Amino acid sequence: MGEPDLHLDLQTEHSHRDLRVVIRQMVDGDADEIHEIHCACLTRTLASHYTQEQVVAWMKGRTPAGYINAANGGERFFVAAVDERVIGFASWRDNELLSLFVHPDAQGLGVGSRLLDVCLKDAAAEGTGITCLKAAAGAVQFYVSRGFVPVGQGGTMKNGVVIQDTRMILPEVTSNLKDGR
C-alpha cells in the first residue's frame, strides 16, 4: 500500500496549550499534504475498523490532484495547519460533510472539532447548512458528541468493495432548514 512517510511529533514540538492551529481554506499547494493525511488515517487509524481489502479499495486511485479537482468542482475544503504544516482537513458540499481527517499524530487535540465548526459555519453562511454525513467506523462517537444522530447503516462502493459507514443527521440544522430559518 505504501503508507506515506509522514509522522508528526506534535506532543514534543508544542505543549498541548500552545498548539497554534490555523484553520483556512485549502489552496492547491495543500493537496500533497491532504493526500498524505488521508492515507495515514486510512492505514493507521481506520485499519483496525476495516479489512485490508477495504483499505486498499478506499485508497486505490487517490491522488493529490483528486482533491484539487473536487475543490474545482464545488467541494469546499478547509485545512488545519500548525507552523504552515497541514495536520487535518475537512470538506463539504451541498448539505453533506464529505470528509474530516486529522493526522493520527494530531488526533485528540481538538483539531477535528475546529474543522467541523468551520465547515458548519461556512455552510450556514452559504445558506445551505450541513445536515448529514456518512461516518467512518470509529468516528461515530465523535459526531454524536457534536450533536449528530445516527439514522442507519450504509455503505459506499469503492473500487468494487463496500465500505461500511453510519448515516448521520444534524437534527437542529435539518429542522431549521425545514422551518425556513
C-alpha atoms as a PDB file:
ATOM      1  CA  MET A   1       0.000   0.000   0.000  1.00  0.00           C
ATOM      2  CA  GLY A   2       2.909   2.322   0.583  1.00  0.00           C
ATOM      3  CA  GLU A   3       1.973   4.469   3.551  1.00  0.00           C
ATOM      4  CA  PRO A   4       3.465   7.945   3.095  1.00  0.00           C
ATOM      5  CA  ASP A   5       6.351   8.784   5.383  1.00  0.00           C
ATOM      6  CA  LEU A   6       4.550  11.465   7.365  1.00  0.00           C
ATOM      7  CA  HIS A   7       4.875  11.373  11.117  1.00  0.00           C
ATOM      8  CA  LEU A   8       4.207  14.360  13.306  1.00  0.00           C
ATOM      9  CA  ASP A   9       5.604  14.835  16.756  1.00  0.00           C
ATOM     10  CA  LEU A  10       3.215  17.490  17.987  1.00  0.00           C
ATOM     11  CA  GLN A  11       3.429  16.365  21.600  1.00  0.00           C
ATOM     12  CA  THR A  12       7.109  17.306  21.800  1.00  0.00           C
ATOM     13  CA  GLU A  13       7.100  20.183  19.309  1.00  0.00           C
ATOM     14  CA  HIS A  14       4.343  22.050  21.164  1.00  0.00           C
ATOM     15  CA  SER A  15       2.719  21.773  24.520  1.00  0.00           C
ATOM     16  CA  HIS A  16      -0.987  20.957  24.368  1.00  0.00           C
ATOM     17  CA  ARG A  17      -1.827  24.537  25.378  1.00  0.00           C
ATOM     18  CA  ASP A  18       0.354  26.411  22.903  1.00  0.00           C
ATOM     19  CA  LEU A  19      -0.540  24.406  19.804  1.00  0.00           C
ATOM     20  CA  ARG A  20      -1.330  27.210  17.360  1.00  0.00           C
ATOM     21  CA  VAL A  21      -3.701  25.703  14.840  1.00  0.00           C
ATOM     22  CA  VAL A  22      -4.776  27.889  11.953  1.00  0.00           C
ATOM     23  CA  ILE A  23      -7.904  26.876  10.042  1.00  0.00           C
ATOM     24  CA  ARG A  24      -8.063  28.214   6.492  1.00  0.00           C
ATOM     25  CA  GLN A  25      -9.419  27.373   3.079  1.00  0.00           C
ATOM     26  CA  MET A  26      -7.418  24.872   1.102  1.00  0.00           C
ATOM     27  CA  VAL A  27      -5.102  26.081  -1.632  1.00  0.00           C
ATOM     28  CA  ASP A  28      -3.838  23.854  -4.448  1.00  0.00           C
ATOM     29  CA  GLY A  29      -0.437  23.620  -2.756  1.00  0.00           C
ATOM     30  CA  ASP A  30      -2.043  21.759   0.180  1.00  0.00           C
ATOM     31  CA  ALA A  31      -3.069  18.772  -1.949  1.00  0.00           C
ATOM     32  CA  ASP A  32       0.051  16.666  -1.305  1.00  0.00           C
ATOM     33  CA  GLU A  33      -0.254  17.047   2.476  1.00  0.00           C
ATOM     34  CA  ILE A  34      -4.018  16.404   2.380  1.00  0.00           C
ATOM     35  CA  HIS A  35      -3.370  13.224   0.434  1.00  0.00           C
ATOM     36  CA  GLU A  36      -0.690  12.113   2.925  1.00  0.00           C
ATOM     37  CA  ILE A  37      -3.044  12.745   5.861  1.00  0.00           C
ATOM     38  CA  HIS A  38      -5.875  10.837   4.194  1.00  0.00           C
ATOM     39  CA  CYS A  39      -3.567   7.865   3.545  1.00  0.00           C
ATOM     40  CA  ALA A  40      -2.149   7.962   7.089  1.00  0.00           C
ATOM     41  CA  CYS A  41      -5.670   7.928   8.552  1.00  0.00           C
ATOM     42  CA  LEU A  42      -6.727   5.027   6.348  1.00  0.00           C
ATOM     43  CA  THR A  43      -3.651   2.941   7.080  1.00  0.00           C
ATOM     44  CA  ARG A  44      -3.159   3.826  10.749  1.00  0.00           C
ATOM     45  CA  THR A  45      -6.432   4.975  12.311  1.00  0.00           C
ATOM     46  CA  LEU A  46      -9.068   3.151  10.279  1.00  0.00           C
ATOM     47  CA  ALA A  47      -7.116  -0.042   9.573  1.00  0.00           C
ATOM     48  CA  SER A  48      -8.402  -1.523  12.837  1.00  0.00           C
ATOM     49  CA  HIS A  49     -12.020  -0.901  11.740  1.00  0.00           C
ATOM     50  CA  TYR A  50     -11.846  -2.114   8.138  1.00  0.00           C
ATOM     51  CA  THR A  51     -10.360  -5.109   6.357  1.00  0.00           C
ATOM     52  CA  GLN A  52      -7.153  -4.816   4.372  1.00  0.00           C
ATOM     53  CA  GLU A  53      -9.241  -5.258   1.201  1.00  0.00           C
ATOM     54  CA  GLN A  54     -11.450  -2.320   2.170  1.00  0.00           C
ATOM     55  CA  VAL A  55      -8.494  -0.051   2.985  1.00  0.00           C
ATOM     56  CA  VAL A  56      -6.790  -0.910  -0.310  1.00  0.00           C
ATOM     57  CA  ALA A  57     -10.029  -0.238  -2.232  1.00  0.00           C
ATOM     58  CA  TRP A  58     -10.534   3.062  -0.392  1.00  0.00           C
ATOM     59  CA  MET A  59      -7.023   4.215  -1.275  1.00  0.00           C
ATOM     60  CA  LYS A  60      -6.900   2.938  -4.847  1.00  0.00           C
ATOM     61  CA  GLY A  61      -6.726   5.711  -7.388  1.00  0.00           C
ATOM     62  CA  ARG A  62      -6.427   8.527  -4.859  1.00  0.00           C
ATOM     63  CA  THR A  63      -4.038  11.269  -5.883  1.00  0.00           C
ATOM     64  CA  PRO A  64      -3.354  14.805  -4.709  1.00  0.00           C
ATOM     65  CA  ALA A  65      -4.946  16.047  -7.935  1.00  0.00           C
ATOM     66  CA  GLY A  66      -8.239  14.463  -6.868  1.00  0.00           C
ATOM     67  CA  TYR A  67      -8.636  16.950  -4.013  1.00  0.00           C
ATOM     68  CA  ILE A  68      -7.927  19.875  -6.353  1.00  0.00           C
ATOM     69  CA  ASN A  69     -10.452  18.521  -8.870  1.00  0.00           C
ATOM     70  CA  ALA A  70     -13.061  18.115  -6.129  1.00  0.00           C
ATOM     71  CA  ALA A  71     -12.460  21.695  -4.945  1.00  0.00           C
ATOM     72  CA  ASN A  72     -12.710  22.990  -8.510  1.00  0.00           C
ATOM     73  CA  GLY A  73     -15.999  21.085  -8.798  1.00  0.00           C
ATOM     74  CA  GLY A  74     -17.546  22.919  -5.846  1.00  0.00           C
ATOM     75  CA  GLU A  75     -16.490  20.882  -2.812  1.00  0.00           C
ATOM     76  CA  ARG A  76     -15.373  23.320  -0.100  1.00  0.00           C
ATOM     77  CA  PHE A  77     -12.156  22.296   1.666  1.00  0.00           C
ATOM     78  CA  PHE A  78     -10.628  23.641   4.859  1.00  0.00           C
ATOM     79  CA  VAL A  79      -7.282  22.700   6.341  1.00  0.00           C
ATOM     80  CA  ALA A  80      -5.849  22.876   9.839  1.00  0.00           C
ATOM     81  CA  ALA A  81      -2.197  23.888   9.918  1.00  0.00           C
ATOM     82  CA  VAL A  82       0.472  24.248  12.585  1.00  0.00           C
ATOM     83  CA  ASP A  83       3.554  26.216  11.603  1.00  0.00           C
ATOM     84  CA  GLU A  84       2.447  26.067   7.946  1.00  0.00           C
ATOM     85  CA  ARG A  85       2.192  22.257   8.056  1.00  0.00           C
ATOM     86  CA  VAL A  86      -1.236  20.815   7.282  1.00  0.00           C
ATOM     87  CA  ILE A  87      -2.354  18.413  10.027  1.00  0.00           C
ATOM     88  CA  GLY A  88      -6.015  17.928   9.096  1.00  0.00           C
ATOM     89  CA  PHE A  89      -8.680  18.705   6.538  1.00  0.00           C
ATOM     90  CA  ALA A  90     -12.425  18.683   6.079  1.00  0.00           C
ATOM     91  CA  SER A  91     -14.749  19.244   3.145  1.00  0.00           C
ATOM     92  CA  TRP A  92     -18.424  19.691   2.465  1.00  0.00           C
ATOM     93  CA  ARG A  93     -20.741  20.172  -0.496  1.00  0.00           C
ATOM     94  CA  ASP A  94     -24.454  20.878  -0.705  1.00  0.00           C
ATOM     95  CA  ASN A  95     -25.734  19.770   2.701  1.00  0.00           C
ATOM     96  CA  GLU A  96     -23.234  16.985   3.419  1.00  0.00           C
ATOM     97  CA  LEU A  97     -19.960  16.833   5.290  1.00  0.00           C
ATOM     98  CA  LEU A  98     -17.883  14.733   2.906  1.00  0.00           C
ATOM     99  CA  SER A  99     -14.618  14.352   4.767  1.00  0.00           C
ATOM    100  CA  LEU A 100     -12.922  15.142   8.042  1.00  0.00           C
ATOM    101  CA  PHE A 101      -9.492  13.641   8.651  1.00  0.00           C
ATOM    102  CA  VAL A 102      -6.852  14.632  11.183  1.00  0.00           C
ATOM    103  CA  HIS A 103      -3.374  13.173  11.043  1.00  0.00           C
ATOM    104  CA  PRO A 104      -3.163  10.293  13.550  1.00  0.00           C
ATOM    105  CA  ASP A 105      -0.425  12.091  15.498  1.00  0.00           C
ATOM    106  CA  ALA A 106      -2.663  15.153  15.930  1.00  0.00           C
ATOM    107  CA  GLN A 107      -5.897  13.385  16.900  1.00  0.00           C
ATOM    108  CA  GLY A 108      -7.387  14.145  20.299  1.00  0.00           C
ATOM    109  CA  LEU A 109      -6.139  17.757  20.335  1.00  0.00           C
ATOM    110  CA  GLY A 110      -9.398  19.395  19.222  1.00  0.00           C
ATOM    111  CA  VAL A 111      -8.362  19.835  15.584  1.00  0.00           C
ATOM    112  CA  GLY A 112     -11.280  17.797  14.226  1.00  0.00           C
ATOM    113  CA  SER A 113     -13.769  19.777  16.301  1.00  0.00           C
ATOM    114  CA  ARG A 114     -12.394  23.047  14.983  1.00  0.00           C
ATOM    115  CA  LEU A 115     -12.526  21.827  11.378  1.00  0.00           C
ATOM    116  CA  LEU A 116     -16.117  20.661  11.856  1.00  0.00           C
ATOM    117  CA  ASP A 117     -17.113  24.008  13.398  1.00  0.00           C
ATOM    118  CA  VAL A 118     -15.626  25.930  10.464  1.00  0.00           C
ATOM    119  CA  CYS A 119     -17.452  23.726   7.949  1.00  0.00           C
ATOM    120  CA  LEU A 120     -20.760  24.127   9.804  1.00  0.00           C
ATOM    121  CA  LYS A 121     -20.348  27.914   9.937  1.00  0.00           C
ATOM    122  CA  ASP A 122     -19.303  28.108   6.292  1.00  0.00           C
ATOM    123  CA  ALA A 123     -22.305  26.051   5.169  1.00  0.00           C
ATOM    124  CA  ALA A 124     -24.654  28.185   7.276  1.00  0.00           C
ATOM    125  CA  ALA A 125     -23.169  31.360   5.768  1.00  0.00           C
ATOM    126  CA  GLU A 126     -23.820  29.890   2.312  1.00  0.00           C
ATOM    127  CA  GLY A 127     -27.458  29.318   3.317  1.00  0.00           C
ATOM    128  CA  THR A 128     -27.113  25.558   2.969  1.00  0.00           C
ATOM    129  CA  GLY A 129     -26.354  24.063   6.350  1.00  0.00           C
ATOM    130  CA  ILE A 130     -24.690  20.705   6.806  1.00  0.00           C
ATOM    131  CA  THR A 131     -27.441  18.262   7.685  1.00  0.00           C
ATOM    132  CA  CYS A 132     -25.866  14.861   7.066  1.00  0.00           C
ATOM    133  CA  LEU A 133     -22.721  12.790   6.795  1.00  0.00           C
ATOM    134  CA  LYS A 134     -21.512   9.231   6.393  1.00  0.00           C
ATOM    135  CA  ALA A 135     -19.348   8.442   9.425  1.00  0.00           C
ATOM    136  CA  ALA A 136     -16.488   6.019   9.033  1.00  0.00           C
ATOM    137  CA  ALA A 137     -16.214   3.247  11.596  1.00  0.00           C
ATOM    138  CA  GLY A 138     -14.595   4.676  14.678  1.00  0.00           C
ATOM    139  CA  ALA A 139     -15.851   8.224  14.093  1.00  0.00           C
ATOM    140  CA  VAL A 140     -19.474   7.830  15.189  1.00  0.00           C
ATOM    141  CA  GLN A 141     -18.862   8.865  18.821  1.00  0.00           C
ATOM    142  CA  PHE A 142     -17.002  11.985  17.687  1.00  0.00           C
ATOM    143  CA  TYR A 143     -20.022  13.092  15.655  1.00  0.00           C
ATOM    144  CA  VAL A 144     -22.554  12.080  18.333  1.00  0.00           C
ATOM    145  CA  SER A 145     -20.691  14.271  20.820  1.00  0.00           C
ATOM    146  CA  ARG A 146     -21.168  17.176  18.407  1.00  0.00           C
ATOM    147  CA  GLY A 147     -24.930  16.729  18.012  1.00  0.00           C
ATOM    148  CA  PHE A 148     -25.211  14.341  15.068  1.00  0.00           C
ATOM    149  CA  VAL A 149     -27.623  11.429  15.382  1.00  0.00           C
ATOM    150  CA  PRO A 150     -27.176   8.019  13.725  1.00  0.00           C
ATOM    151  CA  VAL A 151     -30.096   7.149  11.447  1.00  0.00           C
ATOM    152  CA  GLY A 152     -28.886   3.900   9.919  1.00  0.00           C
ATOM    153  CA  GLN A 153     -26.091   1.842   8.499  1.00  0.00           C
ATOM    154  CA  GLY A 154     -24.943   2.212   4.934  1.00  0.00           C
ATOM    155  CA  GLY A 155     -22.107   1.545   2.622  1.00  0.00           C
ATOM    156  CA  THR A 156     -20.298   3.171  -0.250  1.00  0.00           C
ATOM    157  CA  MET A 157     -18.873   1.169  -3.130  1.00  0.00           C
ATOM    158  CA  LYS A 158     -15.210   1.965  -3.763  1.00  0.00           C
ATOM    159  CA  ASN A 159     -13.406   0.039  -6.459  1.00  0.00           C
ATOM    160  CA  GLY A 160     -15.834  -2.869  -6.197  1.00  0.00           C
ATOM    161  CA  VAL A 161     -15.667  -3.134  -2.403  1.00  0.00           C
ATOM    162  CA  VAL A 162     -18.319  -1.920   0.034  1.00  0.00           C
ATOM    163  CA  ILE A 163     -17.026   0.430   2.744  1.00  0.00           C
ATOM    164  CA  GLN A 164     -19.488   0.396   5.655  1.00  0.00           C
ATOM    165  CA  ASP A 165     -20.492   3.637   7.308  1.00  0.00           C
ATOM    166  CA  THR A 166     -23.073   5.064   9.657  1.00  0.00           C
ATOM    167  CA  ARG A 167     -25.508   7.584   8.185  1.00  0.00           C
ATOM    168  CA  MET A 168     -25.991  10.549  10.497  1.00  0.00           C
ATOM    169  CA  ILE A 169     -28.013  13.753  10.558  1.00  0.00           C
ATOM    170  CA  LEU A 170     -27.755  17.000  12.488  1.00  0.00           C
ATOM    171  CA  PRO A 171     -31.362  17.414  13.712  1.00  0.00           C
ATOM    172  CA  GLU A 172     -31.120  21.084  14.716  1.00  0.00           C
ATOM    173  CA  VAL A 173     -29.919  22.180  11.278  1.00  0.00           C
ATOM    174  CA  THR A 174     -32.341  19.856   9.495  1.00  0.00           C
ATOM    175  CA  SER A 175     -35.352  21.268  11.380  1.00  0.00           C
ATOM    176  CA  ASN A 176     -34.160  24.872  10.942  1.00  0.00           C
ATOM    177  CA  LEU A 177     -33.900  24.396   7.189  1.00  0.00           C
ATOM    178  CA  LYS A 178     -37.383  22.825   7.038  1.00  0.00           C
ATOM    179  CA  ASP A 179     -38.763  25.767   9.019  1.00  0.00           C
ATOM    180  CA  GLY A 180     -37.031  28.270   6.749  1.00  0.00           C
ATOM    181  CA  ARG A 181     -34.691  29.550   9.477  1.00  0.00           C
END
